Amino acid sequence: MDTETADVIGHDVTTITCVCGNTVSRDGLIQANSEGVPVYSGENRPAELAAWPPDEDLYTLCPSCGRVYRDSVIEETGTAPVAFRVDVTAGRIADAIGVHWDISS
């Protein structure tokens, strides 16, 4: 099975165009942990969001389709293979996405 790969400019995770067509400026992309759960770096972290990883091993979640990309791979190689997928329609991930958008707006 071929690995799906998003388009990316240079080695910059903020320039990802997800396989589904989503971008930072379209429906947004969210920094996440190694389980695909959106992260929060500030104080008073909402319970739905994961803590910022102490090792800074960050991922980028597409909230439109659930594809997740590993930031370090993008930064090192300039390519954006899909690391894994999560369900963005239900459960912890969906709850976290909702909270992320609420505090980001």
PDB file of N, CA and C in Angstrom:
ATOM      1  N   MET A   1       0.842  -1.182   0.000  1.00  0.00           N
ATOM      2  CA  MET A   1       0.000   0.000   0.000  1.00  0.00           C
ATOM      3  C   MET A   1       0.884   1.241   0.000  1.00  0.00           C
ATOM      4  N   ASP A   2       0.614   2.160  -0.899  1.00  0.00           N
ATOM      5  CA  ASP A   2       1.386   3.392  -0.971  1.00  0.00           C
ATOM      6  C   ASP A   2       0.992   4.327   0.166  1.00  0.00           C
ATOM      7  N   THR A   3       1.981   5.035   0.688  1.00  0.00           N
ATOM      8  CA  THR A   3       1.728   6.013   1.729  1.00  0.00           C
ATOM      9  C   THR A   3       1.166   7.281   1.104  1.00  0.00           C
ATOM     10  N   GLU A   4       0.099   7.796   1.686  1.00  0.00           N
ATOM     11  CA  GLU A   4      -0.444   9.070   1.226  1.00  0.00           C
ATOM     12  C   GLU A   4       0.507  10.174   1.665  1.00  0.00           C
ATOM     13  N   THR A   5       0.684  11.161   0.811  1.00  0.00           N
ATOM     14  CA  THR A   5       1.579  12.265   1.129  1.00  0.00           C
ATOM     15  C   THR A   5       0.911  13.588   0.767  1.00  0.00           C
ATOM     16  N   ALA A   6       0.947  14.514   1.719  1.00  0.00           N
ATOM     17  CA  ALA A   6       0.414  15.851   1.487  1.00  0.00           C
ATOM     18  C   ALA A   6       1.449  16.702   0.773  1.00  0.00           C
ATOM     19  N   ASP A   7       0.996  17.767   0.159  1.00  0.00           N
ATOM     20  CA  ASP A   7       1.912  18.752  -0.416  1.00  0.00           C
ATOM     21  C   ASP A   7       2.406  19.647   0.706  1.00  0.00           C
ATOM     22  N   VAL A   8       3.657  20.032   0.632  1.00  0.00           N
ATOM     23  CA  VAL A   8       4.247  20.940   1.609  1.00  0.00           C
ATOM     24  C   VAL A   8       5.301  21.766   0.893  1.00  0.00           C
ATOM     25  N   ILE A   9       5.439  23.027   1.286  1.00  0.00           N
ATOM     26  CA  ILE A   9       6.440  23.908   0.684  1.00  0.00           C
ATOM     27  C   ILE A   9       7.643  23.952   1.607  1.00  0.00           C
ATOM     28  N   GLY A  10       8.798  23.601   1.042  1.00  0.00           N
ATOM     29  CA  GLY A  10      10.016  23.583   1.848  1.00  0.00           C
ATOM     30  C   GLY A  10       9.881  22.562   2.965  1.00  0.00           C
ATOM     31  N   HIS A  11      10.227  22.975   4.149  1.00  0.00           N
ATOM     32  CA  HIS A  11      10.164  22.102   5.320  1.00  0.00           C
ATOM     33  C   HIS A  11       9.233  22.724   6.362  1.00  0.00           C
ATOM     34  N   ASP A  12       8.227  23.461   5.913  1.00  0.00           N
ATOM     35  CA  ASP A  12       7.380  24.267   6.780  1.00  0.00           C
ATOM     36  C   ASP A  12       6.015  23.620   6.991  1.00  0.00           C
ATOM     37  N   VAL A  13       5.743  23.158   8.223  1.00  0.00           N
ATOM     38  CA  VAL A  13       4.482  22.478   8.520  1.00  0.00           C
ATOM     39  C   VAL A  13       3.274  23.385   8.326  1.00  0.00           C
ATOM     40  N   THR A  14       3.463  24.687   8.371  1.00  0.00           N
ATOM     41  CA  THR A  14       2.327  25.593   8.201  1.00  0.00           C
ATOM     42  C   THR A  14       1.876  25.703   6.745  1.00  0.00           C
ATOM     43  N   THR A  15       2.622  25.086   5.829  1.00  0.00           N
ATOM     44  CA  THR A  15       2.270  25.142   4.410  1.00  0.00           C
ATOM     45  C   THR A  15       1.650  23.846   3.905  1.00  0.00           C
ATOM     46  N   ILE A  16       1.304  22.927   4.806  1.00  0.00           N
ATOM     47  CA  ILE A  16       0.721  21.650   4.392  1.00  0.00           C
ATOM     48  C   ILE A  16      -0.595  21.891   3.645  1.00  0.00           C
ATOM     49  N   THR A  17      -0.734  21.192   2.523  1.00  0.00           N
ATOM     50  CA  THR A  17      -2.030  21.039   1.884  1.00  0.00           C
ATOM     51  C   THR A  17      -2.368  19.568   2.043  1.00  0.00           C
ATOM     52  N   CYS A  18      -3.306  19.285   2.942  1.00  0.00           N
ATOM     53  CA  CYS A  18      -3.674  17.915   3.258  1.00  0.00           C
ATOM     54  C   CYS A  18      -4.099  17.172   1.999  1.00  0.00           C
ATOM     55  N   VAL A  19      -4.016  15.852   2.059  1.00  0.00           N
ATOM     56  CA  VAL A  19      -4.469  15.014   0.961  1.00  0.00           C
ATOM     57  C   VAL A  19      -5.918  15.351   0.601  1.00  0.00           C
ATOM     58  N   CYS A  20      -6.735  15.752   1.587  1.00  0.00           N
ATOM     59  CA  CYS A  20      -8.147  16.087   1.331  1.00  0.00           C
ATOM     60  C   CYS A  20      -8.319  17.499   0.766  1.00  0.00           C
ATOM     61  N   GLY A  21      -7.238  18.287   0.716  1.00  0.00           N
ATOM     62  CA  GLY A  21      -7.308  19.645   0.179  1.00  0.00           C
ATOM     63  C   GLY A  21      -7.345  20.737   1.230  1.00  0.00           C
ATOM     64  N   ASN A  22      -7.483  20.385   2.493  1.00  0.00           N
ATOM     65  CA  ASN A  22      -7.522  21.379   3.564  1.00  0.00           C
ATOM     66  C   ASN A  22      -6.150  22.009   3.777  1.00  0.00           C
ATOM     67  N   THR A  23      -6.152  23.274   4.187  1.00  0.00           N
ATOM     68  CA  THR A  23      -4.929  24.007   4.508  1.00  0.00           C
ATOM     69  C   THR A  23      -5.148  24.811   5.786  1.00  0.00           C
ATOM     70  N   VAL A  24      -4.079  25.445   6.261  1.00  0.00           N
ATOM     71  CA  VAL A  24      -4.181  26.319   7.431  1.00  0.00           C
ATOM     72  C   VAL A  24      -5.213  27.406   7.179  1.00  0.00           C
ATOM     73  N   SER A  25      -5.218  27.976   5.982  1.00  0.00           N
ATOM     74  CA  SER A  25      -6.122  29.092   5.705  1.00  0.00           C
ATOM     75  C   SER A  25      -7.516  28.661   5.256  1.00  0.00           C
ATOM     76  N   ARG A  26      -7.695  27.396   4.971  1.00  0.00           N
ATOM     77  CA  ARG A  26      -9.029  26.940   4.541  1.00  0.00           C
ATOM     78  C   ARG A  26      -9.867  26.579   5.772  1.00  0.00           C
ATOM     79  N   ASP A  27      -9.780  25.350   6.253  1.00  0.00           N
ATOM     80  CA  ASP A  27     -10.515  24.934   7.452  1.00  0.00           C
ATOM     81  C   ASP A  27      -9.603  24.828   8.667  1.00  0.00           C
ATOM     82  N   GLY A  28      -8.317  25.079   8.473  1.00  0.00           N
ATOM     83  CA  GLY A  28      -7.362  25.056   9.565  1.00  0.00           C
ATOM     84  C   GLY A  28      -6.743  23.691   9.791  1.00  0.00           C
ATOM     85  N   LEU A  29      -5.556  23.709  10.354  1.00  0.00           N
ATOM     86  CA  LEU A  29      -4.835  22.516  10.792  1.00  0.00           C
ATOM     87  C   LEU A  29      -4.486  22.747  12.252  1.00  0.00           C
ATOM     88  N   ILE A  30      -4.379  21.681  13.034  1.00  0.00           N
ATOM     89  CA  ILE A  30      -4.216  21.798  14.483  1.00  0.00           C
ATOM     90  C   ILE A  30      -2.991  21.026  14.942  1.00  0.00           C
ATOM     91  N   GLN A  31      -2.182  21.640  15.809  1.00  0.00           N
ATOM     92  CA  GLN A  31      -1.066  20.904  16.399  1.00  0.00           C
ATOM     93  C   GLN A  31      -1.623  19.869  17.362  1.00  0.00           C
ATOM     94  N   ALA A  32      -1.057  18.673  17.310  1.00  0.00           N
ATOM     95  CA  ALA A  32      -1.570  17.549  18.089  1.00  0.00           C
ATOM     96  C   ALA A  32      -0.409  16.747  18.671  1.00  0.00           C
ATOM     97  N   ASN A  33      -0.767  15.794  19.532  1.00  0.00           N
ATOM     98  CA  ASN A  33       0.247  14.903  20.100  1.00  0.00           C
ATOM     99  C   ASN A  33       0.347  13.633  19.264  1.00  0.00           C
ATOM    100  N   SER A  34       1.113  12.662  19.751  1.00  0.00           N
ATOM    101  CA  SER A  34       1.360  11.435  18.990  1.00  0.00           C
ATOM    102  C   SER A  34       0.135  10.527  18.891  1.00  0.00           C
ATOM    103  N   GLU A  35      -0.963  10.907  19.546  1.00  0.00           N
ATOM    104  CA  GLU A  35      -2.218  10.159  19.420  1.00  0.00           C
ATOM    105  C   GLU A  35      -3.224  10.921  18.552  1.00  0.00           C
ATOM    106  N   GLY A  36      -2.822  12.112  18.057  1.00  0.00           N
ATOM    107  CA  GLY A  36      -3.700  12.916  17.231  1.00  0.00           C
ATOM    108  C   GLY A  36      -4.623  13.830  18.019  1.00  0.00           C
ATOM    109  N   VAL A  37      -4.410  13.921  19.342  1.00  0.00           N
ATOM    110  CA  VAL A  37      -5.242  14.782  20.180  1.00  0.00           C
ATOM    111  C   VAL A  37      -4.671  16.198  20.152  1.00  0.00           C
ATOM    112  N   PRO A  38      -5.482  17.201  19.843  1.00  0.00           N
ATOM    113  CA  PRO A  38      -5.010  18.586  19.858  1.00  0.00           C
ATOM    114  C   PRO A  38      -4.363  18.946  21.198  1.00  0.00           C
ATOM    115  N   VAL A  39      -3.284  19.721  21.126  1.00  0.00           N
ATOM    116  CA  VAL A  39      -2.516  20.082  22.322  1.00  0.00           C
ATOM    117  C   VAL A  39      -2.739  21.535  22.702  1.00  0.00           C
ATOM    118  N   TYR A  40      -2.397  21.823  23.964  1.00  0.00           N
ATOM    119  CA  TYR A  40      -2.534  23.173  24.497  1.00  0.00           C
ATOM    120  C   TYR A  40      -1.279  23.484  25.290  1.00  0.00           C
ATOM    121  N   SER A  41      -0.700  24.657  25.044  1.00  0.00           N
ATOM    122  CA  SER A  41       0.581  24.973  25.687  1.00  0.00           C
ATOM    123  C   SER A  41       0.458  25.938  26.855  1.00  0.00           C
ATOM    124  N   GLY A  42      -0.693  26.540  27.048  1.00  0.00           N
ATOM    125  CA  GLY A  42      -0.831  27.544  28.089  1.00  0.00           C
ATOM    126  C   GLY A  42      -1.218  26.972  29.438  1.00  0.00           C
ATOM    127  N   GLU A  43      -1.350  27.890  30.397  1.00  0.00           N
ATOM    128  CA  GLU A  43      -1.837  27.505  31.710  1.00  0.00           C
ATOM    129  C   GLU A  43      -3.339  27.269  31.625  1.00  0.00           C
ATOM    130  N   ASN A  44      -3.875  26.623  32.648  1.00  0.00           N
ATOM    131  CA  ASN A  44      -5.319  26.336  32.699  1.00  0.00           C
ATOM    132  C   ASN A  44      -5.786  25.564  31.472  1.00  0.00           C
ATOM    133  N   ARG A  45      -5.053  24.504  31.137  1.00  0.00           N
ATOM    134  CA  ARG A  45      -5.369  23.683  29.971  1.00  0.00           C
ATOM    135  C   ARG A  45      -6.740  23.033  30.136  1.00  0.00           C
ATOM    136  N   PRO A  46      -7.621  23.197  29.146  1.00  0.00           N
ATOM    137  CA  PRO A  46      -8.908  22.502  29.190  1.00  0.00           C
ATOM    138  C   PRO A  46      -8.681  20.980  29.215  1.00  0.00           C
ATOM    139  N   ALA A  47      -9.499  20.277  29.953  1.00  0.00           N
ATOM    140  CA  ALA A  47      -9.340  18.832  30.124  1.00  0.00           C
ATOM    141  C   ALA A  47      -9.405  18.072  28.804  1.00  0.00           C
ATOM    142  N   GLU A  48     -10.136  18.603  27.823  1.00  0.00           N
ATOM    143  CA  GLU A  48     -10.279  17.905  26.545  1.00  0.00           C
ATOM    144  C   GLU A  48      -9.004  17.924  25.709  1.00  0.00           C
ATOM    145  N   LEU A  49      -8.137  18.883  25.961  1.00  0.00           N
ATOM    146  CA  LEU A  49      -6.912  19.020  25.173  1.00  0.00           C
ATOM    147  C   LEU A  49      -5.742  18.336  25.865  1.00  0.00           C
ATOM    148  N   ALA A  50      -4.835  17.811  25.075  1.00  0.00           N
ATOM    149  CA  ALA A  50      -3.638  17.163  25.605  1.00  0.00           C
ATOM    150  C   ALA A  50      -2.607  18.223  25.996  1.00  0.00           C
ATOM    151  N   ALA A  51      -1.771  17.866  26.939  1.00  0.00           N
ATOM    152  CA  ALA A  51      -0.674  18.753  27.323  1.00  0.00           C
ATOM    153  C   ALA A  51       0.332  18.831  26.179  1.00  0.00           C
ATOM    154  N   TRP A  52       1.012  19.979  26.110  1.00  0.00           N
ATOM    155  CA  TRP A  52       2.081  20.144  25.123  1.00  0.00           C
ATOM    156  C   TRP A  52       3.143  19.097  25.439  1.00  0.00           C
ATOM    157  N   PRO A  53       3.580  18.298  24.465  1.00  0.00           N
ATOM    158  CA  PRO A  53       4.549  17.238  24.758  1.00  0.00           C
ATOM    159  C   PRO A  53       5.883  17.820  25.241  1.00  0.00           C
ATOM    160  N   PRO A  54       6.403  17.324  26.363  1.00  0.00           N
ATOM    161  CA  PRO A  54       7.659  17.857  26.889  1.00  0.00           C
ATOM    162  C   PRO A  54       8.830  17.685  25.914  1.00  0.00           C
ATOM    163  N   ASP A  55       8.764  16.650  25.069  1.00  0.00           N
ATOM    164  CA  ASP A  55       9.830  16.432  24.090  1.00  0.00           C
ATOM    165  C   ASP A  55       9.571  17.180  22.786  1.00  0.00           C
ATOM    166  N   GLU A  56       8.464  17.958  22.758  1.00  0.00           N
ATOM    167  CA  GLU A  56       8.080  18.749  21.584  1.00  0.00           C
ATOM    168  C   GLU A  56       7.895  17.894  20.326  1.00  0.00           C
ATOM    169  N   ASP A  57       7.530  16.617  20.512  1.00  0.00           N
ATOM    170  CA  ASP A  57       7.238  15.726  19.390  1.00  0.00           C
ATOM    171  C   ASP A  57       5.815  16.021  18.942  1.00  0.00           C
ATOM    172  N   LEU A  58       5.689  16.968  18.022  1.00  0.00           N
ATOM    173  CA  LEU A  58       4.383  17.462  17.594  1.00  0.00           C
ATOM    174  C   LEU A  58       3.949  16.860  16.264  1.00  0.00           C
ATOM    175  N   TYR A  59       2.655  16.832  16.097  1.00  0.00           N
ATOM    176  CA  TYR A  59       2.019  16.345  14.889  1.00  0.00           C
ATOM    177  C   TYR A  59       1.047  17.423  14.413  1.00  0.00           C
ATOM    178  N   THR A  60       0.637  17.336  13.162  1.00  0.00           N
ATOM    179  CA  THR A  60      -0.361  18.249  12.629  1.00  0.00           C
ATOM    180  C   THR A  60      -1.577  17.432  12.238  1.00  0.00           C
ATOM    181  N   LEU A  61      -2.728  17.800  12.823  1.00  0.00           N
ATOM    182  CA  LEU A  61      -3.991  17.118  12.588  1.00  0.00           C
ATOM    183  C   LEU A  61      -4.833  17.908  11.604  1.00  0.00           C
ATOM    184  N   CYS A  62      -5.367  17.225  10.613  1.00  0.00           N
ATOM    185  CA  CYS A  62      -6.358  17.840   9.728  1.00  0.00           C
ATOM    186  C   CYS A  62      -7.727  17.545  10.333  1.00  0.00           C
ATOM    187  N   PRO A  63      -8.405  18.578  10.848  1.00  0.00           N
ATOM    188  CA  PRO A  63      -9.707  18.345  11.463  1.00  0.00           C
ATOM    189  C   PRO A  63     -10.815  18.040  10.455  1.00  0.00           C
ATOM    190  N   SER A  64     -10.531  18.183   9.179  1.00  0.00           N
ATOM    191  CA  SER A  64     -11.524  17.885   8.154  1.00  0.00           C
ATOM    192  C   SER A  64     -11.619  16.387   7.864  1.00  0.00           C
ATOM    193  N   CYS A  65     -10.472  15.714   7.835  1.00  0.00           N
ATOM    194  CA  CYS A  65     -10.480  14.303   7.428  1.00  0.00           C
ATOM    195  C   CYS A  65      -9.830  13.356   8.436  1.00  0.00           C
ATOM    196  N   GLY A  66      -9.102  13.893   9.413  1.00  0.00           N
ATOM    197  CA  GLY A  66      -8.474  13.046  10.418  1.00  0.00           C
ATOM    198  C   GLY A  66      -7.081  12.548  10.078  1.00  0.00           C
ATOM    199  N   ARG A  67      -6.518  13.008   8.974  1.00  0.00           N
ATOM    200  CA  ARG A  67      -5.139  12.621   8.681  1.00  0.00           C
ATOM    201  C   ARG A  67      -4.202  13.376   9.627  1.00  0.00           C
ATOM    202  N   VAL A  68      -3.142  12.687  10.049  1.00  0.00           N
ATOM    203  CA  VAL A  68      -2.182  13.268  10.986  1.00  0.00           C
ATOM    204  C   VAL A  68      -0.784  13.142  10.381  1.00  0.00           C
ATOM    205  N   TYR A  69      -0.040  14.229  10.464  1.00  0.00           N
ATOM    206  CA  TYR A  69       1.313  14.306   9.901  1.00  0.00           C
ATOM    207  C   TYR A  69       2.307  14.566  11.026  1.00  0.00           C
ATOM    208  N   ARG A  70       3.471  13.933  10.971  1.00  0.00           N
ATOM    209  CA  ARG A  70       4.488  14.137  12.000  1.00  0.00           C
ATOM    210  C   ARG A  70       5.365  15.328  11.618  1.00  0.00           C
ATOM    211  N   ASP A  71       5.354  16.357  12.461  1.00  0.00           N
ATOM    212  CA  ASP A  71       6.078  17.597  12.156  1.00  0.00           C
ATOM    213  C   ASP A  71       7.570  17.366  11.933  1.00  0.00           C
ATOM    214  N   SER A  72       8.196  16.521  12.739  1.00  0.00           N
ATOM    215  CA  SER A  72       9.646  16.326  12.613  1.00  0.00           C
ATOM    216  C   SER A  72      10.019  15.731  11.258  1.00  0.00           C
ATOM    217  N   VAL A  73       9.169  14.872  10.707  1.00  0.00           N
ATOM    218  CA  VAL A  73       9.444  14.293   9.386  1.00  0.00           C
ATOM    219  C   VAL A  73       9.385  15.397   8.325  1.00  0.00           C
ATOM    220  N   ILE A  74       8.390  16.261   8.430  1.00  0.00           N
ATOM    221  CA  ILE A  74       8.246  17.363   7.476  1.00  0.00           C
ATOM    222  C   ILE A  74       9.442  18.299   7.574  1.00  0.00           C
ATOM    223  N   GLU A  75       9.809  18.665   8.798  1.00  0.00           N
ATOM    224  CA  GLU A  75      10.923  19.591   9.007  1.00  0.00           C
ATOM    225  C   GLU A  75      12.252  19.004   8.553  1.00  0.00           C
ATOM    226  N   GLU A  76      12.437  17.692   8.702  1.00  0.00           N
ATOM    227  CA  GLU A  76      13.701  17.056   8.321  1.00  0.00           C
ATOM    228  C   GLU A  76      13.782  16.736   6.832  1.00  0.00           C
ATOM    229  N   THR A  77      12.664  16.286   6.237  1.00  0.00           N
ATOM    230  CA  THR A  77      12.721  15.773   4.870  1.00  0.00           C
ATOM    231  C   THR A  77      12.063  16.668   3.827  1.00  0.00           C
ATOM    232  N   GLY A  78      11.198  17.587   4.275  1.00  0.00           N
ATOM    233  CA  GLY A  78      10.458  18.399   3.313  1.00  0.00           C
ATOM    234  C   GLY A  78       9.332  17.636   2.639  1.00  0.00           C
ATOM    235  N   THR A  79       8.989  16.459   3.177  1.00  0.00           N
ATOM    236  CA  THR A  79       7.854  15.688   2.681  1.00  0.00           C
ATOM    237  C   THR A  79       6.860  15.515   3.822  1.00  0.00           C
ATOM    238  N   ALA A  80       5.594  15.260   3.473  1.00  0.00           N
ATOM    239  CA  ALA A  80       4.550  15.157   4.491  1.00  0.00           C
ATOM    240  C   ALA A  80       3.742  13.870   4.329  1.00  0.00           C
ATOM    241  N   PRO A  81       4.351  12.720   4.651  1.00  0.00           N
ATOM    242  CA  PRO A  81       3.574  11.482   4.592  1.00  0.00           C
ATOM    243  C   PRO A  81       2.553  11.441   5.727  1.00  0.00           C
ATOM    244  N   VAL A  82       1.407  10.823   5.470  1.00  0.00           N
ATOM    245  CA  VAL A  82       0.401  10.649   6.506  1.00  0.00           C
ATOM    246  C   VAL A  82       0.946   9.634   7.513  1.00  0.00           C
ATOM    247  N   ALA A  83       1.031  10.049   8.786  1.00  0.00           N
ATOM    248  CA  ALA A  83       1.530   9.155   9.826  1.00  0.00           C
ATOM    249  C   ALA A  83       0.448   8.165  10.249  1.00  0.00           C
ATOM    250  N   PHE A  84      -0.782   8.674  10.424  1.00  0.00           N
ATOM    251  CA  PHE A  84      -1.929   7.844  10.786  1.00  0.00           C
ATOM    252  C   PHE A  84      -3.188   8.683  10.649  1.00  0.00           C
ATOM    253  N   ARG A  85      -4.337   8.053  10.870  1.00  0.00           N
ATOM    254  CA  ARG A  85      -5.624   8.753  10.802  1.00  0.00           C
ATOM    255  C   ARG A  85      -6.386   8.543  12.096  1.00  0.00           C
ATOM    256  N   VAL A  86      -7.200   9.535  12.450  1.00  0.00           N
ATOM    257  CA  VAL A  86      -8.064   9.443  13.618  1.00  0.00           C
ATOM    258  C   VAL A  86      -9.493   9.795  13.199  1.00  0.00           C
ATOM    259  N   ASP A  87     -10.446   9.418  14.035  1.00  0.00           N
ATOM    260  CA  ASP A  87     -11.845   9.753  13.787  1.00  0.00           C
ATOM    261  C   ASP A  87     -12.113  11.138  14.360  1.00  0.00           C
ATOM    262  N   VAL A  88     -12.404  12.090  13.496  1.00  0.00           N
ATOM    263  CA  VAL A  88     -12.646  13.466  13.936  1.00  0.00           C
ATOM    264  C   VAL A  88     -14.129  13.740  14.166  1.00  0.00           C
ATOM    265  N   THR A  89     -14.960  12.719  14.024  1.00  0.00           N
ATOM    266  CA  THR A  89     -16.401  12.921  14.119  1.00  0.00           C
ATOM    267  C   THR A  89     -16.984  12.543  15.477  1.00  0.00           C
ATOM    268  N   ALA A  90     -16.216  11.859  16.326  1.00  0.00           N
ATOM    269  CA  ALA A  90     -16.764  11.392  17.600  1.00  0.00           C
ATOM    270  C   ALA A  90     -15.652  11.202  18.624  1.00  0.00           C
ATOM    271  N   GLY A  91     -16.046  11.117  19.886  1.00  0.00           N
ATOM    272  CA  GLY A  91     -15.113  10.784  20.946  1.00  0.00           C
ATOM    273  C   GLY A  91     -14.173  11.907  21.326  1.00  0.00           C
ATOM    274  N   ARG A  92     -13.057  11.522  21.924  1.00  0.00           N
ATOM    275  CA  ARG A  92     -12.109  12.485  22.476  1.00  0.00           C
ATOM    276  C   ARG A  92     -11.570  13.457  21.432  1.00  0.00           C
ATOM    277  N   ILE A  93     -11.262  12.967  20.258  1.00  0.00           N
ATOM    278  CA  ILE A  93     -10.693  13.841  19.219  1.00  0.00           C
ATOM    279  C   ILE A  93     -11.718  14.912  18.821  1.00  0.00           C
ATOM    280  N   ALA A  94     -12.951  14.508  18.578  1.00  0.00           N
ATOM    281  CA  ALA A  94     -13.993  15.475  18.197  1.00  0.00           C
ATOM    282  C   ALA A  94     -14.206  16.500  19.299  1.00  0.00           C
ATOM    283  N   ASP A  95     -14.236  16.040  20.554  1.00  0.00           N
ATOM    284  CA  ASP A  95     -14.404  16.964  21.682  1.00  0.00           C
ATOM    285  C   ASP A  95     -13.248  17.964  21.748  1.00  0.00           C
ATOM    286  N   ALA A  96     -12.026  17.465  21.571  1.00  0.00           N
ATOM    287  CA  ALA A  96     -10.842  18.316  21.632  1.00  0.00           C
ATOM    288  C   ALA A  96     -10.819  19.340  20.499  1.00  0.00           C
ATOM    289  N   ILE A  97     -11.228  18.926  19.314  1.00  0.00           N
ATOM    290  CA  ILE A  97     -11.280  19.865  18.182  1.00  0.00           C
ATOM    291  C   ILE A  97     -12.256  20.995  18.492  1.00  0.00           C
ATOM    292  N   GLY A  98     -13.413  20.664  19.028  1.00  0.00           N
ATOM    293  CA  GLY A  98     -14.403  21.684  19.379  1.00  0.00           C
ATOM    294  C   GLY A  98     -13.857  22.670  20.388  1.00  0.00           C
ATOM    295  N   VAL A  99     -13.191  22.172  21.426  1.00  0.00           N
ATOM    296  CA  VAL A  99     -12.605  23.050  22.446  1.00  0.00           C
ATOM    297  C   VAL A  99     -11.488  23.888  21.842  1.00  0.00           C
ATOM    298  N   HIS A 100     -10.663  23.279  21.012  1.00  0.00           N
ATOM    299  CA  HIS A 100      -9.581  24.023  20.353  1.00  0.00           C
ATOM    300  C   HIS A 100     -10.133  25.217  19.593  1.00  0.00           C
ATOM    301  N   TRP A 101     -11.170  25.008  18.796  1.00  0.00           N
ATOM    302  CA  TRP A 101     -11.735  26.101  17.997  1.00  0.00           C
ATOM    303  C   TRP A 101     -12.380  27.139  18.905  1.00  0.00           C
ATOM    304  N   ASP A 102     -13.002  26.705  20.003  1.00  0.00           N
ATOM    305  CA  ASP A 102     -13.629  27.656  20.925  1.00  0.00           C
ATOM    306  C   ASP A 102     -12.598  28.609  21.540  1.00  0.00           C
ATOM    307  N   ILE A 103     -11.438  28.085  21.938  1.00  0.00           N
ATOM    308  CA  ILE A 103     -10.442  28.946  22.582  1.00  0.00           C
ATOM    309  C   ILE A 103      -9.548  29.655  21.575  1.00  0.00           C
ATOM    310  N   SER A 104      -9.561  29.208  20.321  1.00  0.00           N
ATOM    311  CA  SER A 104      -8.728  29.838  19.304  1.00  0.00           C
ATOM    312  C   SER A 104      -9.412  31.018  18.620  1.00  0.00           C
ATOM    313  N   SER A 105     -10.715  31.132  18.828  1.00  0.00           N
ATOM    314  CA  SER A 105     -11.423  32.196  18.114  1.00  0.00           C
ATOM    315  C   SER A 105     -11.607  33.430  18.968  1.00  0.00           C
TER     316      SER A 105
END
